[in-house]
């Protein structure tokens, strides 16, 4: 696939690296020559220096025959105009744009074909808000991913000493929960992936990914770790787009306090949030945190655009007694430094956004992609089409499907039913198949599995 990426920042650069490793023809456009040179030294891509909304720059980037334009510059306006130019002058089939400004996102009519013809809108703020909201629903989860409109979920938890299943083989899960269907899709032990079998022993500190119907998630989590009380009190640091949107979405269910250092932004938050307590100050101020009863806070979310402030305030909050800390970190190197120590969940907006983008890049009928383990693995939801003659999966038992190395099928969603992927389950047309791919170099092989032959048409 020939793809033009506008913007060589953290999202654009990470996306280029992901896609270039999958035998795509990638061109990256940016105004920063140093950044383009750095990317080209690391990965096999073409680069074009210039503003991505200019017709001559898009032509130099190969827009005449590009399959897709992904506009992820720091400017919403540049992204929008670039999609317009790509549509009007080059008839680019698929145009994806990152839009951050809420005022644009509220105006759905702006993004019709006769206005700004953008096929897919990506809002990082909404992606992160949804991510954190799902974590709050399941105390103790490291990651929660929805599939088939939420009918099935893939959840990552760290196995703790004392969990009923810790020290036992995975096949004992069925004995512990005889009336609940679930499946362990992957295990990461000391940062290395283990392809689980029924005889795999769960060890303390393993990061376990399991899939189950949404209503069964809590029961399965109890087998791997001590049950935690539901969250009630949430403190948010940073009243920017992400912090404000999260507070607004949570304030009806939780007791929210939000700390913001800007007087003007604090005033805005006070006017637009109905139930949240808005505080003017610094989250690294120990006295302020103690006055606001940080020791009784269930979740401390550091969501400013400053990684250092987020990390330091999280460490301080944890030391002062906050039960759980979720920290937004932009620099990939920092994520690995802090995850699993004092910081419970290190959240990378780039990786969350890239998962949303990859959903629209994958070949075959792929409807969901979640980036896992900082991009090392992927969870994919693909829809099976065709029949036994035109498809490599339809009409076959799971044990008969030639899955690439490191790939497992966790579950199948058929209508409203969530079916665990045992070896004798037969895949039917229109099934939503949830796969876990631990080695990303095999993504293209997975995509080919779900592409129907020409005979189907």
Protein backbone atom coordinates (compact mmCIF):
# COMPACT_ATOMS: atom_id res chain seq x y z
CA UNK A 1 0.00 0.00 0.00
CA UNK A 2 1.30 3.49 -0.85
CA UNK A 3 0.79 5.78 2.14
CA UNK A 4 1.70 9.44 2.68
CA UNK A 5 2.12 10.53 6.30
CA UNK A 6 2.04 14.26 7.03
CA UNK A 7 3.93 15.06 10.22
CA UNK A 8 7.11 13.43 11.49
CA UNK A 9 6.39 13.95 15.19
CA UNK A 10 6.02 11.15 17.68
CA UNK A 11 2.75 9.82 16.20
CA UNK A 12 3.83 10.22 12.55
CA UNK A 13 7.29 8.79 13.19
CA UNK A 14 6.01 5.81 15.18
CA UNK A 15 3.33 5.12 12.59
CA UNK A 16 5.89 5.26 9.76
CA UNK A 17 8.06 2.77 11.63
CA UNK A 18 5.10 0.44 12.21
CA UNK A 19 3.97 0.51 8.60
CA UNK A 20 7.39 0.46 6.93
CA UNK A 21 8.14 -2.82 8.72
CA UNK A 22 5.08 -4.31 7.03
CA UNK A 23 6.25 -3.83 3.43
CA UNK A 24 4.28 -0.65 2.74
CA UNK A 25 5.56 2.17 0.52
CA UNK A 26 5.78 5.07 3.01
CA UNK A 27 6.51 8.76 2.38
CA UNK A 28 6.75 11.18 5.31
CA UNK A 29 6.30 14.94 4.84
CA UNK A 30 7.45 17.52 7.41
CA UNK A 31 8.97 21.00 7.67
CA UNK A 32 11.74 19.77 10.01
CA UNK A 33 14.70 18.56 7.93
CA UNK A 34 16.57 17.18 10.95
CA UNK A 35 13.62 15.08 12.04
CA UNK A 36 13.16 13.68 8.51
CA UNK A 37 16.87 12.83 8.30
CA UNK A 38 16.72 11.04 11.63
CA UNK A 39 13.72 8.96 10.51
CA UNK A 40 15.33 8.09 7.18
CA UNK A 41 18.49 6.93 8.94
CA UNK A 42 16.43 4.47 11.02
CA UNK A 43 13.79 3.15 8.63
CA UNK A 44 13.40 2.56 4.91
CA UNK A 45 11.06 5.39 3.89
CA UNK A 46 10.98 8.33 1.48
CA UNK A 47 10.83 11.86 2.90
CA UNK A 48 9.74 15.21 1.49
CA UNK A 49 10.62 18.53 3.11
CA UNK A 50 7.77 21.07 3.07
CA UNK A 51 4.27 21.94 4.25
CA UNK A 52 1.92 19.01 3.71
CA UNK A 53 -1.06 21.16 2.68
CA UNK A 54 0.72 22.57 -0.39
CA UNK A 55 -0.29 20.91 -3.68
CA UNK A 56 3.27 20.82 -5.05
CA UNK A 57 4.55 19.15 -1.86
CA UNK A 58 1.81 16.50 -2.00
CA UNK A 59 2.63 15.90 -5.68
CA UNK A 60 6.32 15.46 -4.81
CA UNK A 61 5.26 12.98 -2.13
CA UNK A 62 3.46 10.86 -4.73
CA UNK A 63 -0.16 11.88 -4.13
CA UNK A 64 -1.00 11.15 -7.80
CA UNK A 65 -1.17 7.43 -7.06
CA UNK A 66 -1.25 7.22 -3.24
CA UNK A 67 -3.74 4.84 -1.63
CA UNK A 68 -3.97 6.76 1.64
CA UNK A 69 -3.13 10.12 3.23
CA UNK A 70 -2.65 10.26 7.02
CA UNK A 71 -2.44 13.85 8.27
CA UNK A 72 -1.01 13.99 11.82
CA UNK A 73 0.82 17.33 11.90
CA UNK A 74 0.50 19.52 15.00
CA UNK A 75 -1.88 21.85 13.13
CA UNK A 76 -5.54 20.86 12.73
CA UNK A 77 -5.86 23.43 9.95
CA UNK A 78 -2.93 21.97 7.99
CA UNK A 79 -4.40 18.48 8.37
CA UNK A 80 -7.84 19.58 7.18
CA UNK A 81 -6.58 21.54 4.18
CA UNK A 82 -4.24 18.71 3.17
CA UNK A 83 -7.19 16.30 3.03
CA UNK A 84 -9.14 18.80 0.95
CA UNK A 85 -6.26 19.21 -1.51
CA UNK A 86 -5.69 15.44 -1.70
CA UNK A 87 -9.37 14.91 -2.51
CA UNK A 88 -9.80 17.77 -4.99
CA UNK A 89 -6.55 17.51 -6.95
CA UNK A 90 -5.46 13.90 -6.55
CA UNK A 91 -8.64 11.93 -5.68
CA UNK A 92 -6.78 10.11 -2.90
CA UNK A 93 -9.09 7.19 -1.92
CA UNK A 94 -8.66 7.33 1.89
CA UNK A 95 -7.93 10.44 3.93
CA UNK A 96 -7.34 10.21 7.69
CA UNK A 97 -6.85 13.30 9.83
CA UNK A 98 -5.98 13.95 13.44
CA UNK A 99 -8.19 16.73 14.82
CA UNK A 100 -7.59 18.00 18.35
CA UNK A 101 -9.70 21.13 18.62
CA UNK A 102 -13.09 20.45 20.17
CA UNK A 103 -14.73 23.32 18.30
CA UNK A 104 -14.03 21.54 15.00
CA UNK A 105 -15.10 18.14 16.28
CA UNK A 106 -18.47 19.48 17.41
CA UNK A 107 -19.34 20.49 13.83
CA UNK A 108 -20.03 17.20 12.08
CA UNK A 109 -21.13 19.00 8.89
CA UNK A 110 -17.57 20.28 8.45
CA UNK A 111 -16.37 16.82 7.46
CA UNK A 112 -18.82 15.94 4.71
CA UNK A 113 -17.52 15.23 1.20
CA UNK A 114 -18.67 18.68 0.03
CA UNK A 115 -16.81 20.46 2.87
CA UNK A 116 -13.59 18.95 4.27
CA UNK A 117 -13.66 15.43 2.77
CA UNK A 118 -12.05 13.50 5.63
CA UNK A 119 -12.89 9.80 5.71
CA UNK A 120 -11.67 9.11 9.26
CA UNK A 121 -11.27 11.58 12.14
CA UNK A 122 -8.86 10.68 14.94
CA UNK A 123 -9.11 12.62 18.22
CA UNK A 124 -6.21 11.73 20.57
CA UNK A 125 -8.04 13.37 23.48
CA UNK A 126 -11.08 11.14 22.97
CA UNK A 127 -8.91 8.04 22.53
CA UNK A 128 -7.11 8.71 25.84
CA UNK A 129 -10.38 9.58 27.63
CA UNK A 130 -11.91 6.26 26.54
CA UNK A 131 -8.73 4.42 27.56
CA UNK A 132 -8.68 5.85 31.09
CA UNK A 133 -12.45 5.42 31.51
CA UNK A 134 -12.16 1.69 30.77
CA UNK A 135 -9.31 1.33 33.28
CA UNK A 136 -11.45 2.92 35.99
CA UNK A 137 -14.22 0.39 35.37
CA UNK A 138 -11.89 -2.49 36.28
CA UNK A 139 -9.70 -1.76 39.34
CA UNK A 140 -6.34 -3.48 38.90
CA UNK A 141 -6.40 -3.66 35.08
CA UNK A 142 -3.37 -2.43 33.13
CA UNK A 143 -5.18 -2.25 29.80
CA UNK A 144 -8.78 -2.84 28.68
CA UNK A 145 -9.70 -3.25 25.02
CA UNK A 146 -13.19 -3.45 23.51
CA UNK A 147 -14.15 -5.72 20.62
CA UNK A 148 -17.42 -6.19 18.73
CA UNK A 149 -18.92 -3.00 20.21
CA UNK A 150 -17.91 -4.03 23.73
CA UNK A 151 -19.46 -7.52 23.72
CA UNK A 152 -15.98 -8.99 24.29
CA UNK A 153 -13.01 -7.43 26.05
CA UNK A 154 -9.31 -8.19 26.23
CA UNK A 155 -7.86 -7.25 29.61
CA UNK A 156 -4.26 -7.13 30.84
CA UNK A 157 -3.56 -7.67 34.55
CA UNK A 158 -0.45 -8.33 36.59
CA UNK A 159 -0.74 -11.64 38.44
CA UNK A 160 -0.19 -11.13 42.18
CA UNK A 161 1.03 -13.44 44.93
CA UNK A 162 -2.05 -14.94 46.51
CA UNK A 163 -4.20 -14.98 43.37
CA UNK A 164 -6.12 -18.31 43.17
CA UNK A 165 -4.63 -19.19 39.76
CA UNK A 166 -1.06 -18.04 40.47
CA UNK A 167 1.27 -21.05 40.61
CA UNK A 168 -1.20 -23.21 38.68
CA UNK A 169 -1.55 -24.22 35.04
CA UNK A 170 -3.87 -22.21 32.83
CA UNK A 171 -6.17 -25.19 32.25
CA UNK A 172 -7.19 -24.97 35.92
CA UNK A 173 -9.04 -21.73 35.11
CA UNK A 174 -11.95 -23.81 33.83
CA UNK A 175 -12.10 -25.70 37.14
CA UNK A 176 -12.12 -22.46 39.15
CA UNK A 177 -14.82 -20.88 36.94
CA UNK A 178 -16.86 -23.79 35.55
CA UNK A 179 -19.71 -21.63 34.27
CA UNK A 180 -17.62 -18.84 32.73
CA UNK A 181 -15.90 -18.96 29.35
CA UNK A 182 -12.56 -17.15 29.12
CA UNK A 183 -9.22 -17.67 27.44
CA UNK A 184 -5.68 -16.53 28.19
CA UNK A 185 -4.45 -15.02 24.93
CA UNK A 186 -0.88 -14.15 25.92
CA UNK A 187 1.51 -13.96 28.84
CA UNK A 188 4.46 -11.58 29.19
CA UNK A 189 7.07 -12.66 31.72
CA UNK A 190 10.00 -10.35 32.45
CA UNK A 191 9.12 -8.43 29.25
CA UNK A 192 9.26 -11.55 27.07
CA UNK A 193 6.22 -13.01 25.33
CA UNK A 194 5.14 -16.56 26.16
CA UNK A 195 2.64 -18.28 23.88
CA UNK A 196 0.28 -19.86 26.44
CA UNK A 197 -0.86 -23.46 26.43
CA UNK A 198 -3.09 -25.24 28.90
CA UNK A 199 0.02 -26.40 30.79
CA UNK A 200 1.59 -22.92 31.13
CA UNK A 201 2.06 -22.08 34.83
CA UNK A 202 1.02 -18.53 35.80
CA UNK A 203 3.73 -16.92 37.93
CA UNK A 204 3.47 -13.88 40.18
CA UNK A 205 4.24 -10.64 38.29
CA UNK A 206 3.28 -12.17 34.92
CA UNK A 207 1.39 -9.75 32.71
CA UNK A 208 -1.59 -11.83 31.60
CA UNK A 209 -3.88 -10.92 28.70
CA UNK A 210 -7.21 -12.73 28.75
CA UNK A 211 -10.37 -12.41 26.70
CA UNK A 212 -13.94 -12.92 27.92
CA UNK A 213 -17.45 -11.58 27.50
CA UNK A 214 -17.71 -8.17 29.14
CA UNK A 215 -19.99 -9.37 31.95
CA UNK A 216 -17.42 -12.00 33.01
CA UNK A 217 -14.30 -9.83 33.15
CA UNK A 218 -14.39 -9.11 36.90
CA UNK A 219 -14.79 -12.78 37.82
CA UNK A 220 -11.76 -13.78 35.76
CA UNK A 221 -9.66 -10.94 37.19
CA UNK A 222 -10.30 -12.28 40.71
CA UNK A 223 -8.51 -15.50 39.75
CA UNK A 224 -5.30 -13.66 38.94
CA UNK A 225 -5.08 -10.98 41.61
CA UNK A 226 -6.63 -9.78 44.84
CA UNK A 227 -10.01 -8.19 44.30
CA UNK A 228 -9.90 -4.41 44.64
CA UNK A 229 -12.71 -2.13 45.80
CA UNK A 230 -14.36 0.04 43.18
CA UNK A 231 -12.91 3.49 42.63
CA UNK A 232 -14.78 6.54 43.95
CA UNK A 233 -12.35 9.45 44.29
CA UNK A 234 -10.31 10.54 41.25
CA UNK A 235 -7.79 13.40 41.14
CA UNK A 236 -6.84 14.73 37.71
CA UNK A 237 -3.73 16.84 37.12
CA UNK A 238 -3.92 19.11 34.09
CA UNK A 239 -7.02 20.85 32.83
CA UNK A 240 -6.07 20.84 29.16
CA UNK A 241 -8.09 19.13 26.45
CA UNK A 242 -7.52 15.62 27.84
CA UNK A 243 -8.00 16.47 31.53
CA UNK A 244 -11.10 18.55 30.87
CA UNK A 245 -12.69 15.93 28.63
CA UNK A 246 -11.97 13.16 31.14
CA UNK A 247 -13.36 15.16 34.06
CA UNK A 248 -16.51 15.97 32.11
CA UNK A 249 -17.07 12.31 31.20
CA UNK A 250 -16.45 11.01 34.74
CA UNK A 251 -17.95 13.61 37.08
CA UNK A 252 -21.39 11.98 37.21
CA UNK A 253 -19.95 8.64 38.39
CA UNK A 254 -16.94 9.66 40.49
CA UNK A 255 -15.88 12.37 42.92
CA UNK A 256 -13.53 14.44 40.76
CA UNK A 257 -10.87 16.96 41.76
CA UNK A 258 -8.86 18.63 39.01
CA UNK A 259 -5.65 20.61 39.57
CA UNK A 260 -4.68 23.27 37.01
CA UNK A 261 -1.82 25.80 37.27
CA UNK A 262 -3.23 28.43 34.88
CA UNK A 263 -5.71 30.93 36.43
CA UNK A 264 -7.44 31.48 33.07
CA UNK A 265 -7.86 27.76 32.41
CA UNK A 266 -9.03 27.23 36.00
CA UNK A 267 -11.77 29.78 35.41
CA UNK A 268 -12.80 27.98 32.21
CA UNK A 269 -12.94 24.62 34.03
CA UNK A 270 -15.03 26.09 36.84
CA UNK A 271 -17.57 27.41 34.34
CA UNK A 272 -17.79 24.25 32.24
CA UNK A 273 -17.63 21.46 34.84
CA UNK A 274 -20.75 21.02 36.94
CA UNK A 275 -19.71 18.63 39.73
CA UNK A 276 -15.90 18.60 39.75
CA UNK A 277 -13.85 20.48 42.33
CA UNK A 278 -11.40 22.73 40.45
CA UNK A 279 -8.15 23.67 42.22
CA UNK A 280 -5.61 26.31 41.20
CA UNK A 281 -2.07 25.18 41.97
CA UNK A 282 0.78 22.77 41.20
CA UNK A 283 0.44 19.00 41.49
CA UNK A 284 4.06 18.83 42.69
CA UNK A 285 3.09 20.94 45.74
CA UNK A 286 3.16 18.45 48.61
CA UNK A 287 1.15 20.75 50.89
CA UNK A 288 -1.66 21.11 48.34
CA UNK A 289 -1.89 17.34 47.83
CA UNK A 290 -1.99 16.72 51.58
CA UNK A 291 -4.66 19.40 52.09
CA UNK A 292 -6.76 17.69 49.41
CA UNK A 293 -6.49 14.31 51.17
CA UNK A 294 -4.31 12.60 48.62
CA UNK A 295 -4.06 9.58 50.94
CA UNK A 296 -7.76 8.83 50.37
CA UNK A 297 -7.58 9.28 46.58
CA UNK A 298 -8.35 6.10 44.66
CA UNK A 299 -6.85 7.14 41.31
CA UNK A 300 -4.40 9.96 40.57
CA UNK A 301 -4.29 10.79 36.83
CA UNK A 302 -1.40 13.03 35.70
CA UNK A 303 -2.46 14.31 32.27
CA UNK A 304 -0.49 17.52 31.60
CA UNK A 305 1.58 17.91 28.41
CA UNK A 306 4.79 17.95 30.48
CA UNK A 307 6.22 14.43 31.03
CA UNK A 308 8.44 15.52 33.90
CA UNK A 309 5.56 17.14 35.80
CA UNK A 310 3.42 14.05 35.23
CA UNK A 311 6.09 11.65 36.47
CA UNK A 312 7.18 13.70 39.50
CA UNK A 313 3.62 14.47 40.63
CA UNK A 314 2.69 10.79 40.24
CA UNK A 315 5.66 9.64 42.31
CA UNK A 316 4.82 12.21 44.98
CA UNK A 317 1.14 11.22 45.02
CA UNK A 318 2.00 7.53 45.32
CA UNK A 319 4.41 8.20 48.19
CA UNK A 320 1.74 10.25 49.96
CA UNK A 321 -0.76 7.39 49.77
CA UNK A 322 -2.68 7.56 46.47
CA UNK A 323 -3.99 4.06 45.75
CA UNK A 324 -3.26 4.01 42.01
CA UNK A 325 -1.50 6.41 39.64
CA UNK A 326 -2.02 6.70 35.88
CA UNK A 327 0.60 8.82 34.14
CA UNK A 328 0.46 10.29 30.64
CA UNK A 329 3.92 10.07 29.05
CA UNK A 330 4.82 11.24 25.55
CA UNK A 331 8.47 10.18 25.40
CA UNK A 332 8.69 6.46 24.66
CA UNK A 333 11.96 6.08 26.60
CA UNK A 334 10.25 7.30 29.77
CA UNK A 335 7.42 4.76 29.52
CA UNK A 336 9.73 1.77 29.99
CA UNK A 337 11.55 3.54 32.84
CA UNK A 338 8.50 4.09 35.03
CA UNK A 339 5.92 1.42 34.09
CA UNK A 340 5.51 -1.20 36.80
CA UNK A 341 7.43 0.69 39.50
CA UNK A 342 5.79 3.43 41.54
CA UNK A 343 3.71 4.30 38.46
CA UNK A 344 0.92 1.74 38.02
CA UNK A 345 -0.03 2.59 34.43
CA UNK A 346 2.14 4.63 32.04
CA UNK A 347 -0.14 5.78 29.23
CA UNK A 348 1.33 6.71 25.85
CA UNK A 349 -1.10 8.84 23.79
CA UNK A 350 0.96 8.04 20.71
CA UNK A 351 0.48 4.28 21.06
CA UNK A 352 -3.23 4.70 21.84
CA UNK A 353 -3.65 6.90 18.75
CA UNK A 354 -1.61 4.58 16.53
CA UNK A 355 -3.94 1.71 17.39
CA UNK A 356 -6.87 3.78 16.10
CA UNK A 357 -4.97 4.65 12.92
CA UNK A 358 -3.90 1.07 12.23
CA UNK A 359 -7.54 -0.04 12.22
CA UNK A 360 -7.97 1.86 8.95
CA UNK A 361 -4.67 0.78 7.41
CA UNK A 362 -4.95 -2.97 7.79
CA UNK A 363 -5.95 -5.00 4.75
CA UNK A 364 -8.88 -7.41 4.92
CA UNK A 365 -11.98 -6.48 6.91
CA UNK A 366 -10.18 -5.39 10.08
CA UNK A 367 -12.48 -3.38 12.35
CA UNK A 368 -10.34 -3.00 15.47
CA UNK A 369 -6.62 -2.78 16.19
CA UNK A 370 -5.15 -2.27 19.67
CA UNK A 371 -1.45 -1.62 20.09
CA UNK A 372 -0.08 -3.56 23.08
CA UNK A 373 3.11 -3.57 25.10
CA UNK A 374 4.24 -0.20 23.67
CA UNK A 375 3.70 -1.40 20.11
CA UNK A 376 5.46 -4.77 20.47
CA UNK A 377 2.23 -6.72 19.87
CA UNK A 378 -1.26 -6.16 18.50
CA UNK A 379 -4.76 -7.35 19.23
CA UNK A 380 -6.85 -7.45 16.05
CA UNK A 381 -10.56 -7.91 15.39
CA UNK A 382 -11.17 -9.15 11.85
CA UNK A 383 -14.43 -10.16 10.19
CA UNK A 384 -14.40 -13.47 8.29
CA UNK A 385 -16.04 -13.40 4.85
CA UNK A 386 -16.66 -15.86 2.05
CA UNK A 387 -16.99 -19.63 2.18
CA UNK A 388 -14.69 -22.64 2.49
CA UNK A 389 -13.52 -22.22 -1.11
CA UNK A 390 -12.80 -18.48 -1.14
CA UNK A 391 -11.60 -18.02 2.46
CA UNK A 392 -8.64 -19.44 4.38
CA UNK A 393 -10.61 -19.38 7.66
CA UNK A 394 -14.34 -19.81 6.97
CA UNK A 395 -15.60 -23.36 7.32
CA UNK A 396 -12.44 -24.48 9.12
CA UNK A 397 -11.87 -25.57 12.68
CA UNK A 398 -9.47 -23.31 14.53
CA UNK A 399 -6.87 -26.09 14.74
CA UNK A 400 -6.98 -26.33 10.92
CA UNK A 401 -6.22 -22.64 10.34
CA UNK A 402 -2.57 -22.02 9.48
CA UNK A 403 -1.85 -19.17 11.88
CA UNK A 404 1.50 -17.36 11.63
CA UNK A 405 4.03 -18.02 14.45
CA UNK A 406 3.20 -16.18 17.67
CA UNK A 407 -0.44 -15.67 16.67
CA UNK A 408 -3.39 -16.97 18.66
CA UNK A 409 -7.16 -16.69 18.24
CA UNK A 410 -8.68 -15.70 21.57
CA UNK A 411 -12.40 -15.61 20.85
CA UNK A 412 -15.08 -15.33 18.19
CA UNK A 413 -18.09 -13.03 18.44
CA UNK A 414 -21.05 -14.43 16.49
CA UNK A 415 -24.07 -12.16 16.65
CA UNK A 416 -24.49 -11.48 20.38
CA UNK A 417 -22.59 -14.61 21.46
CA UNK A 418 -18.96 -14.61 22.62
CA UNK A 419 -17.39 -18.00 21.85
CA UNK A 420 -13.99 -18.97 23.26
CA UNK A 421 -11.61 -20.19 20.58
CA UNK A 422 -11.15 -23.86 21.39
CA UNK A 423 -9.55 -26.06 18.74
CA UNK A 424 -12.85 -27.57 17.52
CA UNK A 425 -14.73 -24.29 16.99
CA UNK A 426 -15.57 -23.77 13.29
CA UNK A 427 -15.29 -20.21 11.92
CA UNK A 428 -18.40 -19.03 10.07
CA UNK A 429 -18.87 -16.19 7.60
CA UNK A 430 -19.42 -12.82 9.36
CA UNK A 431 -17.77 -14.02 12.59
CA UNK A 432 -15.73 -11.36 14.39
CA UNK A 433 -12.42 -13.09 15.12
CA UNK A 434 -10.21 -11.68 17.89
CA UNK A 435 -6.53 -12.43 17.36
CA UNK A 436 -3.43 -11.70 19.42
CA UNK A 437 -0.28 -11.17 17.31
CA UNK A 438 2.90 -11.21 19.39
CA UNK A 439 5.33 -10.80 16.48
CA UNK A 440 4.38 -7.83 14.34
CA UNK A 441 6.39 -8.98 11.34
CA UNK A 442 3.56 -11.49 10.77
CA UNK A 443 0.81 -8.85 10.58
CA UNK A 444 0.70 -9.07 6.77
CA UNK A 445 0.24 -12.86 7.01
CA UNK A 446 -2.72 -12.37 9.36
CA UNK A 447 -4.25 -9.84 6.97
CA UNK A 448 -3.96 -12.28 4.08
CA UNK A 449 -5.83 -14.90 6.09
CA UNK A 450 -8.90 -12.67 6.11
CA UNK A 451 -8.83 -11.60 2.47
CA UNK A 452 -11.29 -13.53 0.32
CA UNK A 453 -10.30 -14.97 -3.04
CA UNK A 454 -11.55 -13.45 -6.30
CA UNK A 455 -13.91 -16.40 -6.72
CA UNK A 456 -16.04 -15.02 -3.89
CA UNK A 457 -16.99 -12.01 -6.01
